[in-house]
């Protein structure tokens, strides 16, 4: 008998704002709980969550908001800095946001009196992706509908600027070789840049448009995944510049692609809110069908837990969490 893969969220957290984006902190922050950030129409919320999968004495999920930051404009993207520490005295919370006003804001807080933010201006259209350099956290990369990828230092000065052929949709930094950057464009091209030489060193082609989201697999950096049109696509960059595997998944166009942080064969995709529900799916490269399908009335954002096969998605005044097996 074929088991039905469709299921409701395992855990739900009620939120004070509509959730446009959600991000687990992908870095070790020296605390047993997991930092999570979500952004709404006016605020960014920073919280910790612990799941029963990791702590035996927790029933379901334990969530606590640590700090709310007034943002004043819709939050479109959030990126965590590796400098965030909960075990330092005082603690350090550091992240940046992209917003509907085409600006990047860099927030720093000690969760007490020090709550600062700096505005990084330069993009002339919507910002679709942003990320901190994962080793030192001293630079931020961003991509935009203005056909550029820009690198900024923490003072807000642009240190590099790449002109793209179409809107930049996603940007990822190599986890070890921090002079390597991956930029995905809406026209279906994914390029890798050498930041020292400030030039492209490799490109991949999806042969499909529009490419909406791409992600570098941090467990195996030879793997790149993306969604374009209705399909997900996977590349092995050692083999070919064309996808090794692809499959149609979302009827109403695919929206986001994210690799799991714990298993190089596990990834999740979301579709655009269609006529009924927006769909969220978890896939395993060893399985022809999605291993989990979730329906969300209105879904936005997608993030994997740092150490568990668990996904978070934002919804209308809710955070939803799905768990799968490895």
C-alpha atoms as a PDB file:
ATOM      1  CA  UNK A   1       0.000   0.000   0.000  1.00  0.00           C
ATOM      2  CA  UNK A   2       1.411   3.395  -0.978  1.00  0.00           C
ATOM      3  CA  UNK A   3       1.672   5.658   2.033  1.00  0.00           C
ATOM      4  CA  UNK A   4       0.136   9.084   1.492  1.00  0.00           C
ATOM      5  CA  UNK A   5       2.892  11.673   1.724  1.00  0.00           C
ATOM      6  CA  UNK A   6       0.522  14.591   2.426  1.00  0.00           C
ATOM      7  CA  UNK A   7       0.494  15.787   5.997  1.00  0.00           C
ATOM      8  CA  UNK A   8      -0.096  18.756   8.236  1.00  0.00           C
ATOM      9  CA  UNK A   9       2.666  20.626  10.011  1.00  0.00           C
ATOM     10  CA  UNK A  10       4.120  18.751  12.991  1.00  0.00           C
ATOM     11  CA  UNK A  11       4.418  21.957  15.047  1.00  0.00           C
ATOM     12  CA  UNK A  12       2.910  25.431  14.865  1.00  0.00           C
ATOM     13  CA  UNK A  13       3.905  28.682  16.570  1.00  0.00           C
ATOM     14  CA  UNK A  14       1.503  31.640  16.591  1.00  0.00           C
ATOM     15  CA  UNK A  15       3.103  34.922  15.505  1.00  0.00           C
ATOM     16  CA  UNK A  16       2.267  38.574  16.060  1.00  0.00           C
ATOM     17  CA  UNK A  17       2.680  39.519  12.401  1.00  0.00           C
ATOM     18  CA  UNK A  18       2.156  38.028   8.963  1.00  0.00           C
ATOM     19  CA  UNK A  19       5.327  36.015   8.238  1.00  0.00           C
ATOM     20  CA  UNK A  20       7.035  36.839   4.925  1.00  0.00           C
ATOM     21  CA  UNK A  21      10.340  35.108   5.583  1.00  0.00           C
ATOM     22  CA  UNK A  22      11.808  32.706   8.144  1.00  0.00           C
ATOM     23  CA  UNK A  23      15.441  31.663   8.708  1.00  0.00           C
ATOM     24  CA  UNK A  24      16.999  29.261  11.181  1.00  0.00           C
ATOM     25  CA  UNK A  25      20.489  30.385  12.174  1.00  0.00           C
ATOM     26  CA  UNK A  26      22.718  28.056  10.080  1.00  0.00           C
ATOM     27  CA  UNK A  27      25.727  28.672  12.364  1.00  0.00           C
ATOM     28  CA  UNK A  28      26.640  27.232  15.743  1.00  0.00           C
ATOM     29  CA  UNK A  29      25.798  29.936  18.277  1.00  0.00           C
ATOM     30  CA  UNK A  30      26.882  28.238  21.499  1.00  0.00           C
ATOM     31  CA  UNK A  31      23.465  27.582  22.978  1.00  0.00           C
ATOM     32  CA  UNK A  32      21.333  24.443  23.182  1.00  0.00           C
ATOM     33  CA  UNK A  33      18.318  26.153  21.594  1.00  0.00           C
ATOM     34  CA  UNK A  34      18.119  27.020  17.903  1.00  0.00           C
ATOM     35  CA  UNK A  35      17.963  30.641  16.926  1.00  0.00           C
ATOM     36  CA  UNK A  36      15.241  31.457  14.441  1.00  0.00           C
ATOM     37  CA  UNK A  37      14.361  34.785  12.819  1.00  0.00           C
ATOM     38  CA  UNK A  38      11.168  35.719  11.045  1.00  0.00           C
ATOM     39  CA  UNK A  39      10.108  38.908   9.325  1.00  0.00           C
ATOM     40  CA  UNK A  40       6.703  40.462   8.868  1.00  0.00           C
ATOM     41  CA  UNK A  41       5.189  43.692   7.574  1.00  0.00           C
ATOM     42  CA  UNK A  42       6.821  45.885  10.229  1.00  0.00           C
ATOM     43  CA  UNK A  43       8.986  43.813  12.537  1.00  0.00           C
ATOM     44  CA  UNK A  44      11.744  41.224  12.743  1.00  0.00           C
ATOM     45  CA  UNK A  45      11.399  38.674  15.549  1.00  0.00           C
ATOM     46  CA  UNK A  46      14.357  36.744  16.954  1.00  0.00           C
ATOM     47  CA  UNK A  47      13.533  33.655  18.999  1.00  0.00           C
ATOM     48  CA  UNK A  48      14.838  30.304  20.151  1.00  0.00           C
ATOM     49  CA  UNK A  49      13.117  26.997  19.593  1.00  0.00           C
ATOM     50  CA  UNK A  50      13.793  23.520  20.900  1.00  0.00           C
ATOM     51  CA  UNK A  51      12.080  20.414  19.521  1.00  0.00           C
ATOM     52  CA  UNK A  52      11.236  17.098  21.123  1.00  0.00           C
ATOM     53  CA  UNK A  53      13.466  15.449  18.497  1.00  0.00           C
ATOM     54  CA  UNK A  54      16.504  16.952  20.253  1.00  0.00           C
ATOM     55  CA  UNK A  55      15.450  17.315  23.910  1.00  0.00           C
ATOM     56  CA  UNK A  56      13.628  14.470  25.618  1.00  0.00           C
ATOM     57  CA  UNK A  57      11.905  16.700  28.184  1.00  0.00           C
ATOM     58  CA  UNK A  58      10.377  18.992  25.531  1.00  0.00           C
ATOM     59  CA  UNK A  59       6.862  18.179  24.421  1.00  0.00           C
ATOM     60  CA  UNK A  60       6.534  19.102  20.734  1.00  0.00           C
ATOM     61  CA  UNK A  61       8.158  22.515  20.456  1.00  0.00           C
ATOM     62  CA  UNK A  62       9.357  25.077  22.978  1.00  0.00           C
ATOM     63  CA  UNK A  63       9.496  28.579  21.469  1.00  0.00           C
ATOM     64  CA  UNK A  64      10.535  31.850  23.090  1.00  0.00           C
ATOM     65  CA  UNK A  65      10.882  35.307  21.501  1.00  0.00           C
ATOM     66  CA  UNK A  66      14.141  36.933  22.591  1.00  0.00           C
ATOM     67  CA  UNK A  67      13.777  40.317  20.904  1.00  0.00           C
ATOM     68  CA  UNK A  68      11.524  42.183  18.476  1.00  0.00           C
ATOM     69  CA  UNK A  69      13.113  44.736  16.140  1.00  0.00           C
ATOM     70  CA  UNK A  70      11.030  47.489  14.617  1.00  0.00           C
ATOM     71  CA  UNK A  71      11.657  47.431  10.870  1.00  0.00           C
ATOM     72  CA  UNK A  72       9.030  49.866   9.565  1.00  0.00           C
ATOM     73  CA  UNK A  73       8.773  48.272   6.133  1.00  0.00           C
ATOM     74  CA  UNK A  74       8.019  44.764   4.827  1.00  0.00           C
ATOM     75  CA  UNK A  75      10.851  42.279   5.429  1.00  0.00           C
ATOM     76  CA  UNK A  76      11.732  40.349   2.241  1.00  0.00           C
ATOM     77  CA  UNK A  77      14.866  38.484   3.290  1.00  0.00           C
ATOM     78  CA  UNK A  78      16.931  37.658   6.386  1.00  0.00           C
ATOM     79  CA  UNK A  79      20.549  36.450   6.621  1.00  0.00           C
ATOM     80  CA  UNK A  80      22.312  35.438   9.843  1.00  0.00           C
ATOM     81  CA  UNK A  81      25.876  36.440  10.654  1.00  0.00           C
ATOM     82  CA  UNK A  82      28.315  33.770  11.929  1.00  0.00           C
ATOM     83  CA  UNK A  83      29.314  36.326  14.581  1.00  0.00           C
ATOM     84  CA  UNK A  84      26.022  35.678  16.413  1.00  0.00           C
ATOM     85  CA  UNK A  85      26.789  34.110  19.825  1.00  0.00           C
ATOM     86  CA  UNK A  86      24.474  33.355  22.723  1.00  0.00           C
ATOM     87  CA  UNK A  87      27.279  32.020  24.943  1.00  0.00           C
ATOM     88  CA  UNK A  88      29.341  35.227  24.972  1.00  0.00           C
ATOM     89  CA  UNK A  89      28.987  37.978  27.564  1.00  0.00           C
ATOM     90  CA  UNK A  90      27.132  39.990  26.518  1.00  0.00           C
ATOM     91  CA  UNK A  91      25.455  37.857  23.824  1.00  0.00           C
ATOM     92  CA  UNK A  92      25.718  38.990  20.193  1.00  0.00           C
ATOM     93  CA  UNK A  93      22.784  38.879  17.785  1.00  0.00           C
ATOM     94  CA  UNK A  94      23.787  39.940  14.271  1.00  0.00           C
ATOM     95  CA  UNK A  95      21.766  39.603  11.069  1.00  0.00           C
ATOM     96  CA  UNK A  96      20.785  41.614   8.018  1.00  0.00           C
ATOM     97  CA  UNK A  97      17.507  42.066   6.184  1.00  0.00           C
ATOM     98  CA  UNK A  98      16.419  43.039   2.712  1.00  0.00           C
ATOM     99  CA  UNK A  99      13.268  45.093   2.471  1.00  0.00           C
ATOM    100  CA  UNK A 100      10.579  46.344   0.132  1.00  0.00           C
ATOM    101  CA  UNK A 101      12.333  49.746  -0.004  1.00  0.00           C
ATOM    102  CA  UNK A 102      15.365  48.137  -1.784  1.00  0.00           C
ATOM    103  CA  UNK A 103      17.652  48.702   1.201  1.00  0.00           C
ATOM    104  CA  UNK A 104      19.680  46.281   3.322  1.00  0.00           C
ATOM    105  CA  UNK A 105      19.649  46.781   7.098  1.00  0.00           C
ATOM    106  CA  UNK A 106      22.387  45.340   9.303  1.00  0.00           C
ATOM    107  CA  UNK A 107      21.171  44.750  12.883  1.00  0.00           C
ATOM    108  CA  UNK A 108      23.369  44.239  15.953  1.00  0.00           C
ATOM    109  CA  UNK A 109      22.027  43.620  19.446  1.00  0.00           C
ATOM    110  CA  UNK A 110      23.269  42.404  22.835  1.00  0.00           C
ATOM    111  CA  UNK A 111      19.624  41.585  23.752  1.00  0.00           C
ATOM    112  CA  UNK A 112      19.791  44.393  26.349  1.00  0.00           C
ATOM    113  CA  UNK A 113      20.416  48.092  25.711  1.00  0.00           C
ATOM    114  CA  UNK A 114      22.481  47.919  22.541  1.00  0.00           C
ATOM    115  CA  UNK A 115      20.205  47.621  19.516  1.00  0.00           C
ATOM    116  CA  UNK A 116      21.708  49.219  16.417  1.00  0.00           C
ATOM    117  CA  UNK A 117      21.131  49.057  12.731  1.00  0.00           C
ATOM    118  CA  UNK A 118      22.954  50.388   9.702  1.00  0.00           C
ATOM    119  CA  UNK A 119      21.377  50.951   6.266  1.00  0.00           C
ATOM    120  CA  UNK A 120      23.208  49.725   3.139  1.00  0.00           C
ATOM    121  CA  UNK A 121      21.979  51.563   0.052  1.00  0.00           C
ATOM    122  CA  UNK A 122      22.824  51.034  -3.598  1.00  0.00           C
ATOM    123  CA  UNK A 123      20.369  48.603  -5.170  1.00  0.00           C
ATOM    124  CA  UNK A 124      17.844  50.257  -7.481  1.00  0.00           C
ATOM    125  CA  UNK A 125      15.299  47.423  -7.513  1.00  0.00           C
ATOM    126  CA  UNK A 126      14.035  44.575  -5.304  1.00  0.00           C
ATOM    127  CA  UNK A 127      16.658  42.492  -3.506  1.00  0.00           C
ATOM    128  CA  UNK A 128      16.020  38.765  -3.999  1.00  0.00           C
ATOM    129  CA  UNK A 129      18.821  37.214  -1.978  1.00  0.00           C
ATOM    130  CA  UNK A 130      21.448  38.077   0.616  1.00  0.00           C
ATOM    131  CA  UNK A 131      24.054  36.146   2.590  1.00  0.00           C
ATOM    132  CA  UNK A 132      26.963  36.730   4.995  1.00  0.00           C
ATOM    133  CA  UNK A 133      30.439  35.429   4.316  1.00  0.00           C
ATOM    134  CA  UNK A 134      30.219  32.251   6.439  1.00  0.00           C
ATOM    135  CA  UNK A 135      33.733  32.201   7.911  1.00  0.00           C
ATOM    136  CA  UNK A 136      34.350  35.702   9.260  1.00  0.00           C
ATOM    137  CA  UNK A 137      30.994  37.387   8.729  1.00  0.00           C
ATOM    138  CA  UNK A 138      32.754  40.561   7.562  1.00  0.00           C
ATOM    139  CA  UNK A 139      31.051  40.833   4.168  1.00  0.00           C
ATOM    140  CA  UNK A 140      27.510  40.574   2.806  1.00  0.00           C
ATOM    141  CA  UNK A 141      26.573  39.560  -0.757  1.00  0.00           C
ATOM    142  CA  UNK A 142      23.243  40.572  -2.291  1.00  0.00           C
ATOM    143  CA  UNK A 143      21.474  40.057  -5.640  1.00  0.00           C
ATOM    144  CA  UNK A 144      18.681  42.120  -7.096  1.00  0.00           C
ATOM    145  CA  UNK A 145      16.196  42.714  -9.896  1.00  0.00           C
ATOM    146  CA  UNK A 146      18.539  45.570 -10.878  1.00  0.00           C
ATOM    147  CA  UNK A 147      20.771  42.958 -12.625  1.00  0.00           C
ATOM    148  CA  UNK A 148      23.616  43.231 -10.105  1.00  0.00           C
ATOM    149  CA  UNK A 149      25.359  41.211  -7.431  1.00  0.00           C
ATOM    150  CA  UNK A 150      27.019  43.456  -4.847  1.00  0.00           C
ATOM    151  CA  UNK A 151      29.482  42.714  -2.044  1.00  0.00           C
ATOM    152  CA  UNK A 152      29.400  45.026   0.998  1.00  0.00           C
ATOM    153  CA  UNK A 153      31.577  45.348   4.055  1.00  0.00           C
ATOM    154  CA  UNK A 154      29.964  45.931   7.457  1.00  0.00           C
ATOM    155  CA  UNK A 155      30.535  49.678   7.152  1.00  0.00           C
ATOM    156  CA  UNK A 156      28.135  49.627   4.206  1.00  0.00           C
ATOM    157  CA  UNK A 157      30.828  50.224   1.576  1.00  0.00           C
ATOM    158  CA  UNK A 158      30.544  48.214  -1.670  1.00  0.00           C
ATOM    159  CA  UNK A 159      33.740  46.210  -2.186  1.00  0.00           C
ATOM    160  CA  UNK A 160      32.692  44.458  -5.428  1.00  0.00           C
ATOM    161  CA  UNK A 161      29.960  44.741  -8.037  1.00  0.00           C
ATOM    162  CA  UNK A 162      29.072  42.199 -10.733  1.00  0.00           C
ATOM    163  CA  UNK A 163      26.784  43.093 -13.626  1.00  0.00           C
ATOM    164  CA  UNK A 164      24.337  40.277 -14.442  1.00  0.00           C
ATOM    165  CA  UNK A 165      22.415  39.509 -17.654  1.00  0.00           C
ATOM    166  CA  UNK A 166      19.041  39.272 -15.886  1.00  0.00           C
ATOM    167  CA  UNK A 167      17.627  39.677 -12.357  1.00  0.00           C
ATOM    168  CA  UNK A 168      19.732  38.020  -9.643  1.00  0.00           C
ATOM    169  CA  UNK A 169      17.535  35.537  -7.742  1.00  0.00           C
ATOM    170  CA  UNK A 170      19.840  33.722  -5.293  1.00  0.00           C
ATOM    171  CA  UNK A 171      23.330  34.090  -3.889  1.00  0.00           C
ATOM    172  CA  UNK A 172      25.338  31.518  -1.865  1.00  0.00           C
ATOM    173  CA  UNK A 173      28.818  31.627  -0.377  1.00  0.00           C
ATOM    174  CA  UNK A 174      31.122  28.584  -0.370  1.00  0.00           C
ATOM    175  CA  UNK A 175      31.372  27.327   3.245  1.00  0.00           C
ATOM    176  CA  UNK A 176      35.172  26.898   3.253  1.00  0.00           C
ATOM    177  CA  UNK A 177      36.589  28.664   0.193  1.00  0.00           C
ATOM    178  CA  UNK A 178      35.136  32.062   0.955  1.00  0.00           C
ATOM    179  CA  UNK A 179      36.484  33.625  -2.235  1.00  0.00           C
ATOM    180  CA  UNK A 180      33.877  31.580  -4.175  1.00  0.00           C
ATOM    181  CA  UNK A 181      30.353  32.873  -4.673  1.00  0.00           C
ATOM    182  CA  UNK A 182      27.388  31.344  -6.541  1.00  0.00           C
ATOM    183  CA  UNK A 183      24.898  33.676  -8.236  1.00  0.00           C
ATOM    184  CA  UNK A 184      21.685  32.415  -9.892  1.00  0.00           C
ATOM    185  CA  UNK A 185      19.933  34.524 -12.517  1.00  0.00           C
ATOM    186  CA  UNK A 186      16.305  34.529 -13.605  1.00  0.00           C
ATOM    187  CA  UNK A 187      17.337  33.710 -17.207  1.00  0.00           C
ATOM    188  CA  UNK A 188      18.408  30.223 -16.063  1.00  0.00           C
ATOM    189  CA  UNK A 189      22.168  30.773 -15.730  1.00  0.00           C
ATOM    190  CA  UNK A 190      24.039  30.056 -12.496  1.00  0.00           C
ATOM    191  CA  UNK A 191      27.556  31.510 -12.289  1.00  0.00           C
ATOM    192  CA  UNK A 192      30.390  30.962  -9.841  1.00  0.00           C
ATOM    193  CA  UNK A 193      32.604  33.967  -9.160  1.00  0.00           C
ATOM    194  CA  UNK A 194      36.142  34.166  -7.846  1.00  0.00           C
ATOM    195  CA  UNK A 195      36.031  37.175  -5.532  1.00  0.00           C
ATOM    196  CA  UNK A 196      39.812  37.621  -5.538  1.00  0.00           C
ATOM    197  CA  UNK A 197      40.029  37.830  -9.336  1.00  0.00           C
ATOM    198  CA  UNK A 198      36.524  39.410  -9.430  1.00  0.00           C
ATOM    199  CA  UNK A 199      35.454  37.301 -12.392  1.00  0.00           C
ATOM    200  CA  UNK A 200      33.232  34.342 -13.268  1.00  0.00           C
ATOM    201  CA  UNK A 201      35.000  30.953 -13.237  1.00  0.00           C
ATOM    202  CA  UNK A 202      32.194  28.511 -14.093  1.00  0.00           C
ATOM    203  CA  UNK A 203      28.583  28.571 -15.239  1.00  0.00           C
ATOM    204  CA  UNK A 204      25.624  26.181 -15.257  1.00  0.00           C
ATOM    205  CA  UNK A 205      22.568  26.320 -17.534  1.00  0.00           C
ATOM    206  CA  UNK A 206      19.039  25.283 -16.585  1.00  0.00           C
ATOM    207  CA  UNK A 207      17.694  25.783 -20.138  1.00  0.00           C
ATOM    208  CA  UNK A 208      14.447  26.747 -18.417  1.00  0.00           C
ATOM    209  CA  UNK A 209      12.941  30.044 -17.375  1.00  0.00           C
ATOM    210  CA  UNK A 210      12.154  31.645 -15.080  1.00  0.00           C
ATOM    211  CA  UNK A 211      14.710  30.353 -12.598  1.00  0.00           C
ATOM    212  CA  UNK A 212      13.299  31.519  -9.252  1.00  0.00           C
ATOM    213  CA  UNK A 213      15.659  30.064  -6.650  1.00  0.00           C
ATOM    214  CA  UNK A 214      18.930  28.125  -6.466  1.00  0.00           C
ATOM    215  CA  UNK A 215      20.969  26.728  -3.592  1.00  0.00           C
ATOM    216  CA  UNK A 216      24.465  25.347  -3.125  1.00  0.00           C
ATOM    217  CA  UNK A 217      24.542  22.063  -1.210  1.00  0.00           C
ATOM    218  CA  UNK A 218      26.760  22.743   1.793  1.00  0.00           C
ATOM    219  CA  UNK A 219      27.115  19.030   2.610  1.00  0.00           C
ATOM    220  CA  UNK A 220      28.518  18.414  -0.892  1.00  0.00           C
ATOM    221  CA  UNK A 221      29.534  21.553  -2.776  1.00  0.00           C
ATOM    222  CA  UNK A 222      29.667  19.692  -6.109  1.00  0.00           C
ATOM    223  CA  UNK A 223      25.856  19.738  -5.970  1.00  0.00           C
ATOM    224  CA  UNK A 224      23.664  22.670  -6.931  1.00  0.00           C
ATOM    225  CA  UNK A 225      19.860  22.656  -6.952  1.00  0.00           C
ATOM    226  CA  UNK A 226      17.290  25.064  -8.331  1.00  0.00           C
ATOM    227  CA  UNK A 227      13.667  25.521  -9.303  1.00  0.00           C
ATOM    228  CA  UNK A 228      12.764  26.882 -12.741  1.00  0.00           C
ATOM    229  CA  UNK A 229       9.299  26.879 -14.290  1.00  0.00           C
ATOM    230  CA  UNK A 230       7.455  23.975 -12.646  1.00  0.00           C
ATOM    231  CA  UNK A 231      10.559  21.814 -12.115  1.00  0.00           C
ATOM    232  CA  UNK A 232      13.345  21.200  -9.664  1.00  0.00           C
ATOM    233  CA  UNK A 233      16.787  20.680 -11.206  1.00  0.00           C
ATOM    234  CA  UNK A 234      20.007  19.242  -9.776  1.00  0.00           C
ATOM    235  CA  UNK A 235      23.546  19.694 -11.163  1.00  0.00           C
ATOM    236  CA  UNK A 236      26.751  17.846 -10.418  1.00  0.00           C
ATOM    237  CA  UNK A 237      29.258  20.568 -11.307  1.00  0.00           C
ATOM    238  CA  UNK A 238      32.085  18.061 -11.821  1.00  0.00           C
ATOM    239  CA  UNK A 239      30.135  16.376 -14.623  1.00  0.00           C
ATOM    240  CA  UNK A 240      28.243  18.852 -16.744  1.00  0.00           C
ATOM    241  CA  UNK A 241      26.976  22.401 -16.982  1.00  0.00           C
ATOM    242  CA  UNK A 242      23.506  20.935 -17.672  1.00  0.00           C
ATOM    243  CA  UNK A 243      21.224  19.412 -15.022  1.00  0.00           C
ATOM    244  CA  UNK A 244      21.845  15.806 -14.093  1.00  0.00           C
ATOM    245  CA  UNK A 245      18.306  15.337 -12.829  1.00  0.00           C
ATOM    246  CA  UNK A 246      15.043  17.258 -13.087  1.00  0.00           C
ATOM    247  CA  UNK A 247      11.395  16.706 -12.300  1.00  0.00           C
ATOM    248  CA  UNK A 248       8.150  18.680 -12.511  1.00  0.00           C
ATOM    249  CA  UNK A 249       6.832  19.356  -9.012  1.00  0.00           C
ATOM    250  CA  UNK A 250       4.656  22.449  -8.709  1.00  0.00           C
ATOM    251  CA  UNK A 251       1.687  23.038 -10.988  1.00  0.00           C
ATOM    252  CA  UNK A 252       1.510  26.772 -10.275  1.00  0.00           C
ATOM    253  CA  UNK A 253       5.249  27.387 -10.745  1.00  0.00           C
ATOM    254  CA  UNK A 254       7.953  26.555  -8.283  1.00  0.00           C
ATOM    255  CA  UNK A 255       9.157  29.269  -5.938  1.00  0.00           C
ATOM    256  CA  UNK A 256      11.984  28.204  -3.579  1.00  0.00           C
ATOM    257  CA  UNK A 257      14.656  25.487  -3.382  1.00  0.00           C
ATOM    258  CA  UNK A 258      16.642  24.653  -0.227  1.00  0.00           C
ATOM    259  CA  UNK A 259      19.039  21.771   0.487  1.00  0.00           C
ATOM    260  CA  UNK A 260      18.869  20.149   3.889  1.00  0.00           C
ATOM    261  CA  UNK A 261      21.822  20.975   6.130  1.00  0.00           C
ATOM    262  CA  UNK A 262      22.086  17.395   7.426  1.00  0.00           C
ATOM    263  CA  UNK A 263      21.749  15.180   4.330  1.00  0.00           C
ATOM    264  CA  UNK A 264      23.067  15.870   0.835  1.00  0.00           C
ATOM    265  CA  UNK A 265      20.182  13.934  -0.784  1.00  0.00           C
ATOM    266  CA  UNK A 266      17.393  15.784   1.008  1.00  0.00           C
ATOM    267  CA  UNK A 267      15.900  19.057  -0.239  1.00  0.00           C
ATOM    268  CA  UNK A 268      12.680  21.040  -0.086  1.00  0.00           C
ATOM    269  CA  UNK A 269      10.752  23.102  -2.633  1.00  0.00           C
ATOM    270  CA  UNK A 270       7.752  25.403  -2.444  1.00  0.00           C
ATOM    271  CA  UNK A 271       5.244  26.473  -5.072  1.00  0.00           C
ATOM    272  CA  UNK A 272       3.553  29.817  -5.526  1.00  0.00           C
ATOM    273  CA  UNK A 273       0.204  30.181  -3.817  1.00  0.00           C
ATOM    274  CA  UNK A 274      -2.014  28.861  -6.602  1.00  0.00           C
ATOM    275  CA  UNK A 275      -5.732  28.585  -6.998  1.00  0.00           C
ATOM    276  CA  UNK A 276      -6.031  26.506  -3.847  1.00  0.00           C
ATOM    277  CA  UNK A 277      -3.031  26.125  -1.575  1.00  0.00           C
ATOM    278  CA  UNK A 278       0.624  26.707  -1.962  1.00  0.00           C
ATOM    279  CA  UNK A 279       2.454  23.423  -1.738  1.00  0.00           C
ATOM    280  CA  UNK A 280       5.542  22.577   0.167  1.00  0.00           C
ATOM    281  CA  UNK A 281       7.430  19.377  -0.671  1.00  0.00           C
ATOM    282  CA  UNK A 282      10.402  17.487   0.719  1.00  0.00           C
ATOM    283  CA  UNK A 283      12.299  15.335  -1.780  1.00  0.00           C
ATOM    284  CA  UNK A 284      14.965  12.667  -1.468  1.00  0.00           C
ATOM    285  CA  UNK A 285      17.170  11.964  -4.480  1.00  0.00           C
ATOM    286  CA  UNK A 286      16.702   8.223  -3.952  1.00  0.00           C
ATOM    287  CA  UNK A 287      12.899   8.473  -4.277  1.00  0.00           C
ATOM    288  CA  UNK A 288      10.939   9.189  -7.477  1.00  0.00           C
ATOM    289  CA  UNK A 289       8.089  10.901  -5.564  1.00  0.00           C
ATOM    290  CA  UNK A 290       8.202  13.622  -2.882  1.00  0.00           C
ATOM    291  CA  UNK A 291       8.607  12.010   0.546  1.00  0.00           C
ATOM    292  CA  UNK A 292       6.467  14.690   2.187  1.00  0.00           C
ATOM    293  CA  UNK A 293       3.851  17.099   0.857  1.00  0.00           C
ATOM    294  CA  UNK A 294       2.430  19.878   2.979  1.00  0.00           C
ATOM    295  CA  UNK A 295      -0.340  22.323   2.103  1.00  0.00           C
ATOM    296  CA  UNK A 296      -0.080  25.884   3.346  1.00  0.00           C
ATOM    297  CA  UNK A 297      -2.905  28.389   2.841  1.00  0.00           C
ATOM    298  CA  UNK A 298      -0.316  31.090   2.186  1.00  0.00           C
ATOM    299  CA  UNK A 299       3.284  30.038   2.493  1.00  0.00           C
ATOM    300  CA  UNK A 300       6.388  32.171   2.333  1.00  0.00           C
ATOM    301  CA  UNK A 301       9.981  31.526   3.240  1.00  0.00           C
ATOM    302  CA  UNK A 302      11.643  28.140   3.680  1.00  0.00           C
ATOM    303  CA  UNK A 303      14.445  27.167   6.032  1.00  0.00           C
ATOM    304  CA  UNK A 304      16.040  23.932   7.301  1.00  0.00           C
ATOM    305  CA  UNK A 305      17.029  23.355  10.908  1.00  0.00           C
ATOM    306  CA  UNK A 306      20.817  23.230  11.411  1.00  0.00           C
ATOM    307  CA  UNK A 307      20.981  19.685  12.841  1.00  0.00           C
ATOM    308  CA  UNK A 308      17.568  18.064  12.268  1.00  0.00           C
ATOM    309  CA  UNK A 309      15.672  17.025   9.091  1.00  0.00           C
ATOM    310  CA  UNK A 310      13.099  19.691   9.934  1.00  0.00           C
ATOM    311  CA  UNK A 311      11.759  22.576   7.805  1.00  0.00           C
ATOM    312  CA  UNK A 312      10.159  25.875   8.755  1.00  0.00           C
ATOM    313  CA  UNK A 313       7.744  27.874   6.595  1.00  0.00           C
ATOM    314  CA  UNK A 314       6.026  31.185   7.327  1.00  0.00           C
ATOM    315  CA  UNK A 315       2.290  31.663   6.984  1.00  0.00           C
ATOM    316  CA  UNK A 316      -0.489  34.010   8.075  1.00  0.00           C
ATOM    317  CA  UNK A 317       0.534  34.900  11.668  1.00  0.00           C
ATOM    318  CA  UNK A 318       2.077  31.439  12.018  1.00  0.00           C
ATOM    319  CA  UNK A 319       5.331  29.531  11.783  1.00  0.00           C
ATOM    320  CA  UNK A 320       4.841  25.968  10.543  1.00  0.00           C
ATOM    321  CA  UNK A 321       7.336  23.132  11.050  1.00  0.00           C
ATOM    322  CA  UNK A 322       7.532  19.804   9.235  1.00  0.00           C
ATOM    323  CA  UNK A 323       9.757  16.890  10.218  1.00  0.00           C
ATOM    324  CA  UNK A 324      10.902  14.084   7.955  1.00  0.00           C
ATOM    325  CA  UNK A 325      13.093  11.017   8.328  1.00  0.00           C
ATOM    326  CA  UNK A 326      16.692  11.005   7.116  1.00  0.00           C
END
